[in-house]
Amino acid sequence: MLIFSLPGLNRAAVRVRRLAAQLSKAAMSTNNQGSSSPPAVSGDAPTAAILIIGDEILKGHTVDTNSTFLTQALRKLGVSVQRITVIPDVHEVIAKEVVVLSSQYTHLITSGGVGPTHDDITLESIAAAFQEEVYRHPELAQLVEEFFGVTDNDSPAMKLAMVPRSAKLNYGTDPQTGKQLRYPVVSVRNVYVFPGTPSFMEMAFTGLEHLFASSGTKFHSREVFVDAEETEIAPVLTKLQASWGRRVALGSYPDWLSNYSKVRLVLDSDSQEEVDKARAQLVDQLPKGSVVSLVKDPVSVAPAEVYKLASNGTTFGEKVKCALKTIETMLDQYSTEQVCVGFNGGKDCTALLHLYYSTLKRRYPDGKDKVKALYIRNVSPFPEMERFLQDTTKKYDLELISVEGSIRQALNELHDKRPELKAVLMGTRRTDPYSHTLTPMCPTDPGWPEYMRVNPLLDWTYHDIWSFLRTLHVPYCILYDKGYTSLGSMDNTYRNKSLQVVDERGVTRYKPAYLLENEAEERNSRA
């Protein structure tokens, strides 16, 4: 009988060994009976399971990003990931999962539980799974001595040198330098043991991609975006998936936060011909007009698309051109450090932000300065608005300057906090209250903090705003798709009755804001 060479072996380790032996016999018996393989697009593609090990994941102390990285990386290499399992730092559990998963899939990749502390037990648990002893690997011991300067077998660092007897050391290649990485990844049979720290794990895996690269297998994906409820298209999806069988896999994913589609459909296959044919068949059978084009990243293409719109020769294109000219004139007089854009998440300032961002990136394509955005927070904001602000701040890489109070109070606070600011871009339209006498560039009134108010959208209409946003697929606050046409706080904002409809089942619904016909009813959302 093999004996573990770890000090302080207890009865739990013996139970692990016995359990592993039983599981190994069970796995061999199952394999000999010709058990069915896990679902896959193709039976020829190598498969993988990912085993995430760590109490910190199960307790919510740490967010698992390793499984996402590994799944995407393996797919690019032609490996079909069939299982992702998250388990605690428990000997018996780790050993059991290793026995079961390693016998079912081409590769088993573990992440976590490798280190010098008491809960780093992945390698000894893998040894138990395969009924092996662990020993001090001389090559690893030398690396530990070089890294940590210790030689004592009982030191915590030397635990990193203790591996199963049949372990192999796999040295990866640094993709940046082309040199061999100093520390190897340990593998036992078809089990590859990666660290849990994402940066180390990603570097180690990238350096060893050749171990998992499939010869000839390549996955192909196509997306279809649908502006229809999932329940409406479900019969079509069910029928098509049944006809395709395992040649093409079809996934349906509702998107509650998208302004432009309700469902994302994803087609997967290891045959480009099959997936292209399936996509054409899917588009043909979906409800007429439900398939929409979607610009996934409208921010990155903003300069090109906005200036293209401005030069299309239409009446609205001329309005876009005039707005851009106003912003460009402002930038001739003020540096980017002296300018901020008023942004509260509403439709007008969302259009304004997209215009300003486009102008900046066209004028300063290599500029590193963040767009400064002034957010005047009200006392009871909608949660949806707060989320949209967070998402927009990330998308446009904004420096969000948050202040509270009335506009005058906010500008006073801004003047004290950021005295370098001299001009404020505002999403004011001439139809807004007290705005009919404004000009594209005008100073604040006497008695107010001294700023240049810049109003590129003065002559735009309600429908112009929506034409701009939806033509360019600019994301906007989801509340506008729920019947709100003008947004304030939760205390003074309501759905617009002009958008209310009753469907064929007698259920009251609200059309989205861009379908409001009478612009004069825009502010009927506000108390």
Protein backbone atom coordinates (compact mmCIF):
# COMPACT_ATOMS: atom_id res chain seq x y z
CA MET A 1 0.00 0.00 0.00
CA LEU A 2 1.31 3.43 -0.95
CA ILE A 3 2.03 5.85 1.85
CA PHE A 4 1.83 9.65 1.57
CA SER A 5 5.11 11.34 2.37
CA LEU A 6 3.39 14.37 3.90
CA PRO A 7 4.01 14.96 7.59
CA GLY A 8 1.01 14.65 9.86
CA LEU A 9 -1.06 12.32 7.67
CA ASN A 10 -4.42 11.81 9.37
CA ARG A 11 -7.35 9.48 9.04
CA ALA A 12 -9.06 11.78 6.53
CA ALA A 13 -6.31 11.05 4.02
CA VAL A 14 -6.91 7.31 4.40
CA ARG A 15 -10.62 7.83 3.74
CA VAL A 16 -9.73 9.84 0.65
CA ARG A 17 -7.55 7.02 -0.65
CA ARG A 18 -10.25 4.41 -0.12
CA LEU A 19 -12.86 6.63 -1.74
CA ALA A 20 -10.60 7.23 -4.73
CA ALA A 21 -10.10 3.51 -5.22
CA GLN A 22 -13.84 2.91 -5.20
CA LEU A 23 -14.45 5.77 -7.62
CA SER A 24 -11.72 4.58 -9.98
CA LYS A 25 -13.32 1.15 -10.20
CA ALA A 26 -16.71 2.71 -10.78
CA ALA A 27 -15.36 4.98 -13.52
CA MET A 28 -13.63 2.07 -15.29
CA SER A 29 -16.81 0.04 -15.13
CA THR A 30 -18.86 2.86 -16.58
CA ASN A 31 -16.37 3.45 -19.40
CA ASN A 32 -16.32 -0.25 -20.30
CA GLN A 33 -20.11 -0.25 -20.61
CA GLY A 34 -19.91 2.35 -23.35
CA SER A 35 -21.55 5.24 -21.57
CA SER A 36 -22.81 8.05 -23.76
CA SER A 37 -20.50 11.02 -24.22
CA PRO A 38 -21.48 14.46 -22.95
CA PRO A 39 -23.43 16.71 -25.34
CA ALA A 40 -21.20 18.42 -27.86
CA VAL A 41 -21.40 20.04 -31.24
CA SER A 42 -19.10 17.40 -32.64
CA GLY A 43 -17.98 14.06 -31.24
CA ASP A 44 -14.55 14.56 -32.81
CA ALA A 45 -13.60 17.62 -30.77
CA PRO A 46 -11.46 17.11 -27.67
CA THR A 47 -13.31 17.91 -24.47
CA ALA A 48 -12.42 19.54 -21.18
CA ALA A 49 -13.74 20.03 -17.68
CA ILE A 50 -12.75 22.96 -15.48
CA LEU A 51 -12.51 22.44 -11.73
CA ILE A 52 -12.43 25.66 -9.72
CA ILE A 53 -11.21 24.95 -6.18
CA GLY A 54 -11.63 27.38 -3.32
CA ASP A 55 -13.85 28.17 -0.35
CA GLU A 56 -13.47 31.86 -1.21
CA ILE A 57 -15.46 31.36 -4.42
CA LEU A 58 -18.30 29.49 -2.74
CA LYS A 59 -18.50 32.04 0.06
CA GLY A 60 -18.59 34.98 -2.35
CA HIS A 61 -15.33 36.46 -1.07
CA THR A 62 -13.77 36.24 -4.54
CA VAL A 63 -15.31 36.46 -8.02
CA ASP A 64 -14.36 33.60 -10.32
CA THR A 65 -12.97 34.95 -13.60
CA ASN A 66 -10.74 31.96 -14.33
CA SER A 67 -13.50 29.74 -15.74
CA THR A 68 -14.53 32.45 -18.19
CA PHE A 69 -10.95 32.95 -19.37
CA LEU A 70 -10.32 29.21 -19.70
CA THR A 71 -13.57 28.54 -21.53
CA GLN A 72 -12.87 31.23 -24.11
CA ALA A 73 -9.22 30.24 -24.51
CA LEU A 74 -9.97 26.53 -24.89
CA ARG A 75 -12.70 27.19 -27.43
CA LYS A 76 -10.26 29.14 -29.58
CA LEU A 77 -7.99 26.09 -29.43
CA GLY A 78 -10.76 23.77 -30.63
CA VAL A 79 -11.51 22.22 -27.23
CA SER A 80 -15.14 21.82 -26.20
CA VAL A 81 -15.63 22.66 -22.51
CA GLN A 82 -18.33 20.32 -21.19
CA ARG A 83 -18.30 20.99 -17.46
CA ILE A 84 -17.40 23.72 -14.97
CA THR A 85 -17.49 22.74 -11.31
CA VAL A 86 -16.74 24.84 -8.23
CA ILE A 87 -15.83 22.95 -5.06
CA PRO A 88 -14.47 23.72 -1.57
CA ASP A 89 -10.98 23.07 -0.21
CA VAL A 90 -11.87 19.59 1.06
CA HIS A 91 -9.68 16.50 0.40
CA GLU A 92 -12.50 14.06 -0.21
CA VAL A 93 -14.43 16.40 -2.51
CA ILE A 94 -11.42 17.30 -4.65
CA ALA A 95 -10.32 13.68 -4.98
CA LYS A 96 -13.81 12.54 -5.94
CA GLU A 97 -14.21 15.21 -8.62
CA VAL A 98 -10.76 14.51 -10.08
CA VAL A 99 -11.50 10.80 -10.42
CA VAL A 100 -14.86 11.36 -12.08
CA LEU A 101 -13.96 14.26 -14.38
CA SER A 102 -10.56 13.00 -15.51
CA SER A 103 -12.16 9.76 -16.68
CA GLN A 104 -14.88 11.52 -18.71
CA TYR A 105 -13.06 14.29 -20.55
CA THR A 106 -9.92 14.69 -22.62
CA HIS A 107 -8.50 17.33 -20.27
CA LEU A 108 -9.23 18.26 -16.68
CA ILE A 109 -8.00 21.72 -15.74
CA THR A 110 -7.94 22.71 -12.09
CA SER A 111 -7.49 26.21 -10.73
CA GLY A 112 -6.83 27.09 -7.11
CA GLY A 113 -5.56 25.38 -4.00
CA VAL A 114 -1.88 25.60 -4.96
CA GLY A 115 0.34 27.35 -2.44
CA PRO A 116 2.04 27.15 0.95
CA THR A 117 -0.93 27.44 3.31
CA HIS A 118 -3.07 24.87 5.14
CA ASP A 119 -5.94 25.08 2.64
CA ASP A 120 -3.73 24.57 -0.43
CA ILE A 121 -4.45 20.87 -0.81
CA THR A 122 -5.09 20.39 -4.53
CA LEU A 123 -1.95 18.44 -5.36
CA GLU A 124 -2.19 16.04 -2.42
CA SER A 125 -5.88 15.48 -3.20
CA ILE A 126 -5.03 14.65 -6.83
CA ALA A 127 -2.44 12.20 -5.55
CA ALA A 128 -5.14 10.56 -3.45
CA ALA A 129 -7.47 10.43 -6.46
CA PHE A 130 -4.92 8.38 -8.40
CA GLN A 131 -3.73 6.44 -5.33
CA GLU A 132 -0.24 7.85 -5.51
CA GLU A 133 2.17 9.13 -2.93
CA VAL A 134 3.39 12.70 -2.87
CA TYR A 135 7.08 13.40 -2.71
CA ARG A 136 9.51 16.27 -2.77
CA HIS A 137 10.31 16.79 -6.44
CA PRO A 138 14.00 17.73 -6.64
CA GLU A 139 13.54 20.18 -9.53
CA LEU A 140 10.69 21.94 -7.78
CA ALA A 141 12.60 21.95 -4.52
CA GLN A 142 15.45 23.75 -6.24
CA LEU A 143 13.03 26.34 -7.66
CA VAL A 144 11.50 26.88 -4.21
CA GLU A 145 14.97 27.38 -2.77
CA GLU A 146 15.75 29.94 -5.48
CA PHE A 147 12.44 31.76 -5.07
CA PHE A 148 12.09 31.69 -1.30
CA GLY A 149 15.60 30.97 -0.05
CA VAL A 150 14.52 27.99 2.07
CA THR A 151 15.67 24.36 2.18
CA ASP A 152 13.81 23.09 5.24
CA ASN A 153 11.36 20.34 4.31
CA ASP A 154 8.94 21.56 6.97
CA SER A 155 8.84 25.16 5.75
CA PRO A 156 5.50 26.31 4.25
CA ALA A 157 7.19 27.28 0.97
CA MET A 158 8.55 23.76 0.45
CA LYS A 159 4.94 22.53 0.25
CA LEU A 160 5.04 23.84 -3.32
CA ALA A 161 7.60 21.14 -4.16
CA MET A 162 5.39 18.27 -2.95
CA VAL A 163 3.66 16.62 -5.91
CA PRO A 164 2.21 13.22 -6.88
CA ARG A 165 4.81 10.62 -7.84
CA SER A 166 3.79 10.56 -11.54
CA ALA A 167 3.66 14.35 -11.90
CA LYS A 168 5.12 16.01 -14.98
CA LEU A 169 6.53 19.53 -15.05
CA ASN A 170 5.35 21.62 -18.00
CA TYR A 171 7.34 24.78 -18.68
CA GLY A 172 5.48 27.36 -20.69
CA THR A 173 6.76 30.11 -22.95
CA ASP A 174 6.35 33.78 -22.15
CA PRO A 175 4.39 35.11 -25.17
CA GLN A 176 5.98 38.56 -24.81
CA THR A 177 9.63 37.57 -24.54
CA GLY A 178 9.59 34.09 -26.10
CA LYS A 179 11.60 32.83 -23.12
CA GLN A 180 10.76 29.85 -20.96
CA LEU A 181 8.72 30.68 -17.87
CA ARG A 182 10.62 30.05 -14.65
CA TYR A 183 7.94 28.04 -12.84
CA PRO A 184 6.22 25.03 -14.40
CA VAL A 185 2.62 23.84 -14.35
CA VAL A 186 2.26 20.41 -12.77
CA SER A 187 0.21 17.77 -14.58
CA VAL A 188 -0.82 14.30 -13.47
CA ARG A 189 -2.09 12.13 -16.32
CA ASN A 190 -4.68 14.36 -18.05
CA VAL A 191 -5.08 16.71 -15.08
CA TYR A 192 -3.38 20.13 -15.33
CA VAL A 193 -2.95 22.07 -12.10
CA PHE A 194 -3.06 25.86 -12.52
CA PRO A 195 -2.81 28.53 -9.84
CA GLY A 196 -5.93 30.33 -8.66
CA THR A 197 -4.65 33.91 -8.96
CA PRO A 198 -6.07 35.09 -12.31
CA SER A 199 -2.95 36.90 -13.55
CA PHE A 200 -0.70 33.90 -12.82
CA MET A 201 -3.22 31.43 -14.20
CA GLU A 202 -3.69 33.36 -17.45
CA MET A 203 0.05 33.73 -17.99
CA ALA A 204 0.65 30.04 -17.27
CA PHE A 205 -2.14 28.83 -19.56
CA THR A 206 -1.16 31.13 -22.42
CA GLY A 207 2.37 29.77 -22.21
CA LEU A 208 1.09 26.19 -22.53
CA GLU A 209 -1.62 26.57 -25.16
CA HIS A 210 0.17 24.10 -27.41
CA LEU A 211 -0.69 21.29 -24.96
CA PHE A 212 -4.39 21.76 -25.62
CA ALA A 213 -4.48 22.87 -29.25
CA SER A 214 -6.73 20.60 -31.27
CA SER A 215 -5.56 19.41 -34.66
CA GLY A 216 -8.18 20.50 -37.16
CA THR A 217 -11.09 21.32 -34.88
CA LYS A 218 -12.32 24.91 -35.08
CA PHE A 219 -15.56 26.30 -33.71
CA HIS A 220 -17.66 28.81 -35.58
CA SER A 221 -20.27 31.09 -34.02
CA ARG A 222 -22.89 33.39 -35.49
CA GLU A 223 -25.20 35.77 -33.67
CA VAL A 224 -28.69 36.92 -34.50
CA PHE A 225 -30.33 39.77 -32.57
CA VAL A 226 -34.11 39.74 -32.34
CA ASP A 227 -36.48 42.50 -31.28
CA ALA A 228 -39.24 40.12 -30.16
CA GLU A 229 -40.13 38.38 -26.92
CA GLU A 230 -38.51 35.00 -26.31
CA THR A 231 -41.93 33.39 -25.87
CA GLU A 232 -42.91 34.58 -29.35
CA ILE A 233 -39.94 32.94 -31.09
CA ALA A 234 -39.62 29.81 -28.91
CA PRO A 235 -41.61 27.51 -31.28
CA VAL A 236 -39.34 28.44 -34.19
CA LEU A 237 -36.21 27.80 -32.13
CA THR A 238 -37.45 24.43 -30.90
CA LYS A 239 -38.33 23.26 -34.40
CA LEU A 240 -35.02 24.35 -35.92
CA GLN A 241 -32.87 22.86 -33.15
CA ALA A 242 -34.64 19.53 -33.59
CA SER A 243 -33.94 19.58 -37.32
CA TRP A 244 -30.24 20.45 -36.88
CA GLY A 245 -29.52 17.85 -34.24
CA ARG A 246 -25.94 17.98 -32.97
CA ARG A 247 -24.60 19.59 -36.15
CA VAL A 248 -25.51 23.06 -34.87
CA ALA A 249 -26.19 24.23 -31.32
CA LEU A 250 -28.61 27.11 -30.77
CA GLY A 251 -28.62 29.22 -27.62
CA SER A 252 -31.23 31.85 -26.71
CA TYR A 253 -30.34 34.63 -24.26
CA PRO A 254 -32.82 37.38 -23.30
CA ASP A 255 -31.33 40.83 -22.77
CA TRP A 256 -33.46 42.97 -20.48
CA LEU A 257 -31.16 45.99 -20.67
CA SER A 258 -30.67 46.35 -24.41
CA ASN A 259 -32.42 49.25 -26.16
CA TYR A 260 -32.27 47.60 -29.56
CA SER A 261 -33.01 43.88 -29.16
CA LYS A 262 -34.79 41.63 -26.71
CA VAL A 263 -33.02 38.33 -27.44
CA ARG A 264 -29.55 37.32 -28.57
CA LEU A 265 -29.43 34.03 -30.46
CA VAL A 266 -26.08 32.25 -30.80
CA LEU A 267 -25.39 29.48 -33.32
CA ASP A 268 -22.39 27.20 -32.77
CA SER A 269 -20.86 24.50 -34.93
CA ASP A 270 -17.51 23.07 -35.92
CA SER A 271 -18.58 23.50 -39.56
CA GLN A 272 -18.67 26.99 -41.02
CA GLU A 273 -20.90 25.79 -43.83
CA GLU A 274 -23.42 24.32 -41.39
CA VAL A 275 -23.53 27.38 -39.15
CA ASP A 276 -23.92 29.78 -42.07
CA LYS A 277 -26.71 27.65 -43.53
CA ALA A 278 -28.41 27.45 -40.13
CA ARG A 279 -28.23 31.23 -39.66
CA ALA A 280 -29.87 31.85 -43.02
CA GLN A 281 -32.60 29.36 -42.16
CA LEU A 282 -33.12 30.95 -38.72
CA VAL A 283 -33.41 34.49 -40.09
CA ASP A 284 -35.87 33.30 -42.72
CA GLN A 285 -38.20 31.64 -40.19
CA LEU A 286 -38.19 34.30 -37.47
CA PRO A 287 -41.11 36.78 -37.46
CA LYS A 288 -40.84 39.32 -40.25
CA GLY A 289 -39.05 42.49 -39.17
CA SER A 290 -37.89 41.01 -35.85
CA VAL A 291 -34.24 40.53 -36.80
CA VAL A 292 -32.23 43.69 -36.15
CA SER A 293 -28.71 44.82 -36.89
CA LEU A 294 -26.78 45.71 -33.77
CA VAL A 295 -23.67 47.83 -33.34
CA LYS A 296 -22.00 46.17 -30.37
CA ASP A 297 -19.60 48.99 -29.58
CA PRO A 298 -21.00 52.29 -30.84
CA VAL A 299 -18.52 54.25 -28.71
CA SER A 300 -15.41 52.98 -30.50
CA VAL A 301 -16.84 53.90 -33.92
CA ALA A 302 -18.42 57.16 -32.74
CA PRO A 303 -16.10 59.66 -34.52
CA ALA A 304 -16.45 58.02 -37.92
CA GLU A 305 -20.20 57.39 -37.67
CA VAL A 306 -21.16 60.79 -36.23
CA TYR A 307 -19.20 62.75 -38.84
CA LYS A 308 -20.57 60.47 -41.55
CA LEU A 309 -24.09 61.31 -40.38
CA ALA A 310 -23.21 65.02 -40.40
CA SER A 311 -22.18 64.88 -44.05
CA ASN A 312 -25.08 62.85 -45.47
CA GLY A 313 -26.76 65.92 -47.00
CA THR A 314 -30.08 65.60 -45.13
CA THR A 315 -31.79 68.27 -43.04
CA PHE A 316 -31.01 66.34 -39.90
CA GLY A 317 -27.41 65.83 -41.05
CA GLU A 318 -27.09 69.62 -41.20
CA LYS A 319 -28.26 69.88 -37.59
CA VAL A 320 -25.62 67.35 -36.55
CA LYS A 321 -23.00 69.33 -38.48
CA CYS A 322 -24.00 72.59 -36.73
CA ALA A 323 -23.84 70.89 -33.33
CA LEU A 324 -20.35 69.59 -34.08
CA LYS A 325 -19.29 73.06 -35.27
CA THR A 326 -20.45 74.56 -31.96
CA ILE A 327 -18.38 72.02 -30.02
CA GLU A 328 -15.36 72.59 -32.28
CA THR A 329 -15.65 76.36 -31.78
CA MET A 330 -15.69 75.82 -28.03
CA LEU A 331 -12.55 73.67 -28.27
CA ASP A 332 -10.85 76.43 -30.21
CA GLN A 333 -11.34 78.69 -27.19
CA TYR A 334 -10.98 76.27 -24.28
CA SER A 335 -8.68 73.34 -23.56
CA THR A 336 -10.15 69.95 -22.64
CA GLU A 337 -9.03 70.57 -19.05
CA GLN A 338 -11.36 73.58 -18.93
CA VAL A 339 -14.47 71.82 -20.26
CA CYS A 340 -17.03 69.50 -18.72
CA VAL A 341 -20.29 68.13 -20.11
CA GLY A 342 -23.48 68.17 -18.09
CA PHE A 343 -24.68 64.59 -17.80
CA ASN A 344 -27.59 63.30 -15.73
CA GLY A 345 -28.40 60.22 -17.83
CA GLY A 346 -31.26 61.80 -19.80
CA LYS A 347 -31.72 61.36 -23.54
CA ASP A 348 -30.57 64.87 -24.49
CA CYS A 349 -27.33 64.80 -22.53
CA THR A 350 -26.69 61.23 -23.74
CA ALA A 351 -26.81 62.52 -27.33
CA LEU A 352 -24.65 65.47 -26.30
CA LEU A 353 -22.06 63.23 -24.65
CA HIS A 354 -21.82 61.11 -27.81
CA LEU A 355 -21.33 64.24 -29.93
CA TYR A 356 -18.67 65.68 -27.63
CA TYR A 357 -16.83 62.37 -27.35
CA SER A 358 -16.82 62.03 -31.16
CA THR A 359 -15.43 65.55 -31.57
CA LEU A 360 -12.69 64.97 -29.02
CA LYS A 361 -11.57 61.66 -30.50
CA ARG A 362 -11.52 63.12 -34.00
CA ARG A 363 -9.54 66.18 -32.92
CA TYR A 364 -7.25 64.38 -30.46
CA PRO A 365 -7.14 60.71 -31.57
CA ASP A 366 -4.23 59.94 -29.23
CA GLY A 367 -5.49 62.08 -26.37
CA LYS A 368 -5.42 60.48 -22.91
CA ASP A 369 -7.54 63.01 -21.01
CA LYS A 370 -10.82 61.67 -19.70
CA VAL A 371 -14.07 63.40 -20.59
CA LYS A 372 -15.21 65.36 -17.54
CA ALA A 373 -18.92 64.89 -16.84
CA LEU A 374 -20.90 66.95 -14.34
CA TYR A 375 -23.61 64.92 -12.62
CA ILE A 376 -26.11 66.91 -10.54
CA ARG A 377 -27.63 64.16 -8.41
CA ASN A 378 -31.24 64.54 -7.31
CA VAL A 379 -32.57 63.34 -3.96
CA SER A 380 -34.41 60.24 -5.24
CA PRO A 381 -32.86 58.95 -8.48
CA PHE A 382 -34.24 55.92 -10.30
CA PRO A 383 -32.08 52.78 -9.73
CA GLU A 384 -32.17 52.24 -13.50
CA MET A 385 -30.72 55.72 -13.99
CA GLU A 386 -27.94 55.11 -11.46
CA ARG A 387 -27.01 51.89 -13.25
CA PHE A 388 -27.05 53.61 -16.63
CA LEU A 389 -24.73 56.31 -15.26
CA GLN A 390 -22.30 53.65 -14.05
CA ASP A 391 -22.39 51.81 -17.38
CA THR A 392 -21.94 55.04 -19.37
CA THR A 393 -19.07 56.18 -17.17
CA LYS A 394 -17.31 52.92 -17.99
CA LYS A 395 -18.13 52.91 -21.73
CA TYR A 396 -16.88 56.45 -22.33
CA ASP A 397 -14.19 56.34 -19.64
CA LEU A 398 -15.64 59.42 -17.93
CA GLU A 399 -14.36 61.38 -15.00
CA LEU A 400 -17.69 61.82 -13.21
CA ILE A 401 -17.91 64.92 -11.04
CA SER A 402 -20.89 64.44 -8.74
CA VAL A 403 -22.57 67.38 -6.98
CA GLU A 404 -25.98 67.95 -5.38
CA GLY A 405 -28.55 70.72 -5.11
CA SER A 406 -30.14 73.09 -7.61
CA ILE A 407 -28.29 74.00 -10.80
CA ARG A 408 -27.02 77.23 -9.23
CA GLN A 409 -25.90 75.42 -6.07
CA ALA A 410 -24.24 72.73 -8.15
CA LEU A 411 -22.32 75.26 -10.24
CA ASN A 412 -21.18 77.05 -7.08
CA GLU A 413 -19.92 73.77 -5.68
CA LEU A 414 -18.27 72.92 -9.00
CA HIS A 415 -16.57 76.34 -9.04
CA ASP A 416 -15.10 75.68 -5.59
CA LYS A 417 -14.08 72.08 -6.28
CA ARG A 418 -12.78 72.48 -9.85
CA PRO A 419 -11.76 76.12 -10.43
CA GLU A 420 -9.96 75.19 -13.67
CA LEU A 421 -13.29 74.52 -15.43
CA LYS A 422 -14.53 77.41 -17.56
CA ALA A 423 -17.11 75.97 -19.97
CA VAL A 424 -20.04 73.60 -19.48
CA LEU A 425 -21.68 71.72 -22.37
CA MET A 426 -25.44 71.48 -21.82
CA GLY A 427 -28.11 69.39 -23.53
CA THR A 428 -30.60 72.26 -23.61
CA ARG A 429 -33.13 72.54 -26.43
CA ARG A 430 -34.99 75.73 -27.31
CA THR A 431 -38.30 74.12 -26.32
CA ASP A 432 -37.06 73.58 -22.75
CA PRO A 433 -38.33 76.00 -20.08
CA TYR A 434 -36.57 79.43 -20.06
CA SER A 435 -34.42 78.51 -23.08
CA HIS A 436 -36.01 80.29 -26.06
CA THR A 437 -33.55 83.24 -25.91
CA LEU A 438 -30.36 81.20 -25.54
CA THR A 439 -27.57 81.12 -28.12
CA PRO A 440 -25.17 78.25 -28.90
CA MET A 441 -22.53 79.87 -26.67
CA CYS A 442 -23.56 82.27 -23.91
CA PRO A 443 -22.19 83.14 -20.46
CA THR A 444 -24.17 82.46 -17.32
CA ASP A 445 -26.49 85.19 -16.05
CA PRO A 446 -25.33 87.86 -13.58
CA GLY A 447 -25.20 86.55 -10.02
CA TRP A 448 -24.36 83.01 -11.18
CA PRO A 449 -20.89 81.39 -11.12
CA GLU A 450 -19.06 82.49 -14.25
CA TYR A 451 -19.16 79.80 -16.92
CA MET A 452 -19.57 79.69 -20.66
CA ARG A 453 -22.72 77.70 -21.37
CA VAL A 454 -22.35 75.73 -24.60
CA ASN A 455 -25.63 74.56 -26.17
CA PRO A 456 -25.02 72.48 -29.33
CA LEU A 457 -28.57 71.02 -29.36
CA LEU A 458 -30.58 74.24 -29.18
CA ASP A 459 -32.37 73.76 -32.49
CA TRP A 460 -32.86 70.02 -32.22
CA THR A 461 -36.34 68.58 -31.72
CA TYR A 462 -37.49 65.68 -29.56
CA HIS A 463 -37.55 63.46 -32.63
CA ASP A 464 -34.09 64.66 -33.68
CA ILE A 465 -32.68 63.40 -30.38
CA TRP A 466 -34.22 59.98 -30.91
CA SER A 467 -33.16 59.83 -34.55
CA PHE A 468 -29.57 60.51 -33.50
CA LEU A 469 -29.51 57.95 -30.69
CA ARG A 470 -31.22 55.13 -32.52
CA THR A 471 -29.53 55.67 -35.89
CA LEU A 472 -26.14 55.30 -34.22
CA HIS A 473 -27.26 52.59 -31.76
CA VAL A 474 -26.23 54.74 -28.80
CA PRO A 475 -27.25 53.09 -25.48
CA TYR A 476 -29.70 55.15 -23.42
CA CYS A 477 -31.48 54.71 -20.08
CA ILE A 478 -33.82 51.72 -20.22
CA LEU A 479 -36.63 53.77 -18.61
CA TYR A 480 -37.25 55.40 -21.98
CA ASP A 481 -38.27 51.99 -23.32
CA LYS A 482 -40.84 51.65 -20.54
CA GLY A 483 -43.03 54.64 -21.30
CA TYR A 484 -41.07 57.55 -19.78
CA THR A 485 -40.38 60.49 -22.10
CA SER A 486 -38.73 62.99 -19.73
CA LEU A 487 -36.78 61.87 -16.67
CA GLY A 488 -36.39 63.61 -13.34
CA SER A 489 -36.52 62.00 -9.91
CA MET A 490 -38.72 59.16 -8.71
CA ASP A 491 -40.84 61.79 -6.95
CA ASN A 492 -41.82 63.80 -10.03
CA THR A 493 -41.58 61.40 -13.00
CA TYR A 494 -44.29 59.13 -14.39
CA ARG A 495 -44.99 57.10 -17.48
CA ASN A 496 -46.43 59.17 -20.28
CA LYS A 497 -50.14 58.42 -20.76
CA SER A 498 -49.77 59.21 -24.46
CA LEU A 499 -47.73 56.01 -24.83
CA GLN A 500 -50.23 53.77 -23.03
CA VAL A 501 -51.77 50.92 -25.04
CA VAL A 502 -53.89 47.88 -24.25
CA ASP A 503 -52.78 44.70 -26.00
CA GLU A 504 -54.98 41.92 -27.41
CA ARG A 505 -55.06 40.20 -24.00
CA GLY A 506 -56.31 43.32 -22.25
CA VAL A 507 -52.96 44.04 -20.58
CA THR A 508 -51.94 47.70 -20.26
CA ARG A 509 -48.49 48.39 -21.70
CA TYR A 510 -46.43 51.43 -22.66
CA LYS A 511 -44.71 52.04 -25.96
CA PRO A 512 -41.09 53.30 -25.90
CA ALA A 513 -40.41 57.02 -25.80
CA TYR A 514 -39.13 57.23 -29.38
CA LEU A 515 -42.63 56.34 -30.63
CA LEU A 516 -44.25 59.42 -29.08
CA GLU A 517 -46.01 61.16 -31.97
CA ASN A 518 -46.78 64.60 -30.53
CA GLU A 519 -43.59 66.28 -29.32
CA ALA A 520 -45.62 68.75 -27.27
CA GLU A 521 -46.53 65.86 -24.96
CA GLU A 522 -42.90 65.09 -24.09
CA ARG A 523 -43.03 66.62 -20.61
CA ASN A 524 -46.30 64.90 -19.70
CA SER A 525 -43.99 62.46 -17.87
CA ARG A 526 -43.19 65.11 -15.30
CA ALA A 527 -45.34 66.27 -12.40
